[in-house]
Amino acid sequence: MPKKRSELEVAAGRLVSAIQKEWTAEIGEDSARESEAIVHRSHGLLQAAKAQTLGKLLGERTVAHYVGESWLKRHPRVLAAVRELQILVKGAHAV
């Protein structure tokens, strides 16, 4: 039976997917290299969510800061996924 994914894992997966869409749209452009690095960084968030170490990975940083605020300003379609994950991270810290 497959393991049930936590809300944090699901939200982190949505963020990875949103970032990958931006990167895919940029392939062949100069900006694609930076977006590829952001994809890899977002996979770190997903792995930490799976390992239940997301709070440790982020420390005092927000999800937006971890991903890269300047990159996010150029890719506003990703912001909803960032906000969703950040809300869940805050909720997990409150427990």
C-alpha atoms as a PDB file:
ATOM      1  CA  MET A   1       0.000   0.000   0.000  1.00  0.00           C
ATOM      2  CA  PRO A   2       1.468   3.400  -0.957  1.00  0.00           C
ATOM      3  CA  LYS A   3       2.494   5.724   1.844  1.00  0.00           C
ATOM      4  CA  LYS A   4       0.111   8.615   2.412  1.00  0.00           C
ATOM      5  CA  ARG A   5       1.862  11.893   1.702  1.00  0.00           C
ATOM      6  CA  SER A   6       1.705  14.664   4.279  1.00  0.00           C
ATOM      7  CA  GLU A   7       0.204  18.065   3.502  1.00  0.00           C
ATOM      8  CA  LEU A   8       3.737  19.468   3.524  1.00  0.00           C
ATOM      9  CA  GLU A   9       4.869  16.918   0.933  1.00  0.00           C
ATOM     10  CA  VAL A  10       1.887  17.651  -1.291  1.00  0.00           C
ATOM     11  CA  ALA A  11       2.455  21.411  -1.069  1.00  0.00           C
ATOM     12  CA  ALA A  12       6.188  21.032  -1.707  1.00  0.00           C
ATOM     13  CA  GLY A  13       5.376  18.850  -4.718  1.00  0.00           C
ATOM     14  CA  ARG A  14       3.054  21.543  -6.058  1.00  0.00           C
ATOM     15  CA  LEU A  15       5.825  24.084  -5.670  1.00  0.00           C
ATOM     16  CA  VAL A  16       8.289  21.877  -7.546  1.00  0.00           C
ATOM     17  CA  SER A  17       5.737  21.416 -10.326  1.00  0.00           C
ATOM     18  CA  ALA A  18       5.061  25.158 -10.596  1.00  0.00           C
ATOM     19  CA  ILE A  19       8.783  25.935 -10.775  1.00  0.00           C
ATOM     20  CA  GLN A  20       9.365  23.201 -13.359  1.00  0.00           C
ATOM     21  CA  LYS A  21       6.664  24.750 -15.572  1.00  0.00           C
ATOM     22  CA  GLU A  22       8.487  28.077 -15.475  1.00  0.00           C
ATOM     23  CA  TRP A  23      11.805  26.424 -16.264  1.00  0.00           C
ATOM     24  CA  THR A  24      10.307  24.425 -19.128  1.00  0.00           C
ATOM     25  CA  ALA A  25       8.858  27.599 -20.626  1.00  0.00           C
ATOM     26  CA  GLU A  26      12.338  29.187 -20.534  1.00  0.00           C
ATOM     27  CA  ILE A  27      14.351  26.360 -22.072  1.00  0.00           C
ATOM     28  CA  GLY A  28      16.552  27.823 -24.761  1.00  0.00           C
ATOM     29  CA  GLU A  29      16.635  31.252 -23.095  1.00  0.00           C
ATOM     30  CA  ASP A  30      19.439  32.676 -20.962  1.00  0.00           C
ATOM     31  CA  SER A  31      17.207  32.654 -17.876  1.00  0.00           C
ATOM     32  CA  ALA A  32      16.734  28.874 -18.037  1.00  0.00           C
ATOM     33  CA  ARG A  33      20.012  28.177 -16.222  1.00  0.00           C
ATOM     34  CA  GLU A  34      18.922  30.096 -13.120  1.00  0.00           C
ATOM     35  CA  SER A  35      15.474  28.484 -13.230  1.00  0.00           C
ATOM     36  CA  GLU A  36      17.067  25.054 -13.431  1.00  0.00           C
ATOM     37  CA  ALA A  37      19.005  25.835 -10.251  1.00  0.00           C
ATOM     38  CA  ILE A  38      15.727  26.879  -8.603  1.00  0.00           C
ATOM     39  CA  VAL A  39      14.188  23.539  -9.660  1.00  0.00           C
ATOM     40  CA  HIS A  40      17.018  21.723  -7.903  1.00  0.00           C
ATOM     41  CA  ARG A  41      16.626  23.904  -4.830  1.00  0.00           C
ATOM     42  CA  SER A  42      12.892  23.190  -4.729  1.00  0.00           C
ATOM     43  CA  HIS A  43      13.607  19.459  -4.848  1.00  0.00           C
ATOM     44  CA  GLY A  44      15.545  20.012  -1.632  1.00  0.00           C
ATOM     45  CA  LEU A  45      12.350  21.365  -0.076  1.00  0.00           C
ATOM     46  CA  LEU A  46      10.424  18.314  -1.236  1.00  0.00           C
ATOM     47  CA  GLN A  47      13.033  15.901   0.110  1.00  0.00           C
ATOM     48  CA  ALA A  48      13.074  17.735   3.439  1.00  0.00           C
ATOM     49  CA  ALA A  49       9.268  17.580   3.592  1.00  0.00           C
ATOM     50  CA  LYS A  50       9.423  13.824   3.008  1.00  0.00           C
ATOM     51  CA  ALA A  51      12.079  13.441   5.716  1.00  0.00           C
ATOM     52  CA  GLN A  52      10.141  15.727   8.058  1.00  0.00           C
ATOM     53  CA  THR A  53      13.129  18.079   8.277  1.00  0.00           C
ATOM     54  CA  LEU A  54      11.688  21.048   6.401  1.00  0.00           C
ATOM     55  CA  GLY A  55      11.828  23.332   9.436  1.00  0.00           C
ATOM     56  CA  LYS A  56      15.483  22.448   9.970  1.00  0.00           C
ATOM     57  CA  LEU A  57      16.298  23.113   6.288  1.00  0.00           C
ATOM     58  CA  LEU A  58      14.591  26.504   6.294  1.00  0.00           C
ATOM     59  CA  GLY A  59      15.743  27.627   9.718  1.00  0.00           C
ATOM     60  CA  GLU A  60      14.628  31.242  10.080  1.00  0.00           C
ATOM     61  CA  ARG A  61      14.159  31.686   6.311  1.00  0.00           C
ATOM     62  CA  THR A  62      10.814  31.815   4.586  1.00  0.00           C
ATOM     63  CA  VAL A  63      10.053  29.563   1.633  1.00  0.00           C
ATOM     64  CA  ALA A  64      10.262  32.625  -0.653  1.00  0.00           C
ATOM     65  CA  HIS A  65      13.703  33.486   0.690  1.00  0.00           C
ATOM     66  CA  TYR A  66      14.886  29.894   0.267  1.00  0.00           C
ATOM     67  CA  VAL A  67      13.636  29.692  -3.323  1.00  0.00           C
ATOM     68  CA  GLY A  68      14.921  33.151  -4.215  1.00  0.00           C
ATOM     69  CA  GLU A  69      12.900  36.314  -3.905  1.00  0.00           C
ATOM     70  CA  SER A  70      14.343  37.974  -7.004  1.00  0.00           C
ATOM     71  CA  TRP A  71      13.534  34.882  -9.091  1.00  0.00           C
ATOM     72  CA  LEU A  72      10.003  34.819  -7.683  1.00  0.00           C
ATOM     73  CA  LYS A  73       9.461  38.471  -8.671  1.00  0.00           C
ATOM     74  CA  ARG A  74      10.113  37.444 -12.270  1.00  0.00           C
ATOM     75  CA  HIS A  75       7.885  34.353 -11.949  1.00  0.00           C
ATOM     76  CA  PRO A  76       4.737  35.473 -10.107  1.00  0.00           C
ATOM     77  CA  ARG A  77       2.758  32.391 -11.191  1.00  0.00           C
ATOM     78  CA  VAL A  78       4.751  30.415  -8.607  1.00  0.00           C
ATOM     79  CA  LEU A  79       3.756  32.647  -5.682  1.00  0.00           C
ATOM     80  CA  ALA A  80       0.536  30.780  -4.844  1.00  0.00           C
ATOM     81  CA  ALA A  81       2.487  27.540  -4.379  1.00  0.00           C
ATOM     82  CA  VAL A  82       5.074  29.358  -2.243  1.00  0.00           C
ATOM     83  CA  ARG A  83       2.353  30.858  -0.042  1.00  0.00           C
ATOM     84  CA  GLU A  84       0.611  27.492   0.357  1.00  0.00           C
ATOM     85  CA  LEU A  85       3.807  25.801   1.539  1.00  0.00           C
ATOM     86  CA  GLN A  86       4.745  28.708   3.814  1.00  0.00           C
ATOM     87  CA  ILE A  87       1.354  28.587   5.550  1.00  0.00           C
ATOM     88  CA  LEU A  88       1.813  24.876   6.222  1.00  0.00           C
ATOM     89  CA  VAL A  89       5.372  25.391   7.466  1.00  0.00           C
ATOM     90  CA  LYS A  90       4.152  28.054   9.903  1.00  0.00           C
ATOM     91  CA  GLY A  91       1.380  25.728  11.067  1.00  0.00           C
ATOM     92  CA  ALA A  92       3.847  22.903  11.628  1.00  0.00           C
ATOM     93  CA  HIS A  93       6.026  25.181  13.774  1.00  0.00           C
ATOM     94  CA  ALA A  94       3.032  26.208  15.865  1.00  0.00           C
ATOM     95  CA  VAL A  95       2.371  22.610  16.956  1.00  0.00           C
END
